[in-house]
Amino acid sequence: QVQLVESGGGLVQAGGSLRLSCTTSGRAFSSYAMGWFRQAPGKEREFVAAINWSGSYTYYADSVKGRFTISRDNAKRTVYLEMNSLKPEDTAVYYCAADPTISNYVSRTREAYDYWGQGTQVTVSS
């Protein structure tokens, strides 16, 4: 069983930055694609960013492209989400997720991800 634990959320002013981390317990982390999703109150959980197993391929939602950066450190079994130029509309609970499918590419659909963390709250004040 793979366990994912997010950290790094908090309260930040608009224009500020935060770095989220997601650490996993699974030995096979280095073979998983990893994704970040977010869910605002009253809204569906939406895709934010994903990275393939090696870190050579990344994919972003249009709403965060150019502001957020996803990366990973397989030795530390950790994936990161660097968030810059934050906006109030970025306020949400952020979840990391693992897709064990062996591929050089990534998915933006929730159904592709088998394992999920408990989420970390990000609040951006105006």
Foldseek 3Di string as FASTA:
>chain_A
DKAKAKDWADEEAQQAKIKMKIAMDDPCLLQWKKFKWWDDPPDDIFGAKIAGSPRPDIDGDPVQPPFWDWGDDVVRRMIMIIGGSDDQVVWTWMKMFIANDGDNDDDGDPVRTDYIYPTDTHGYHD
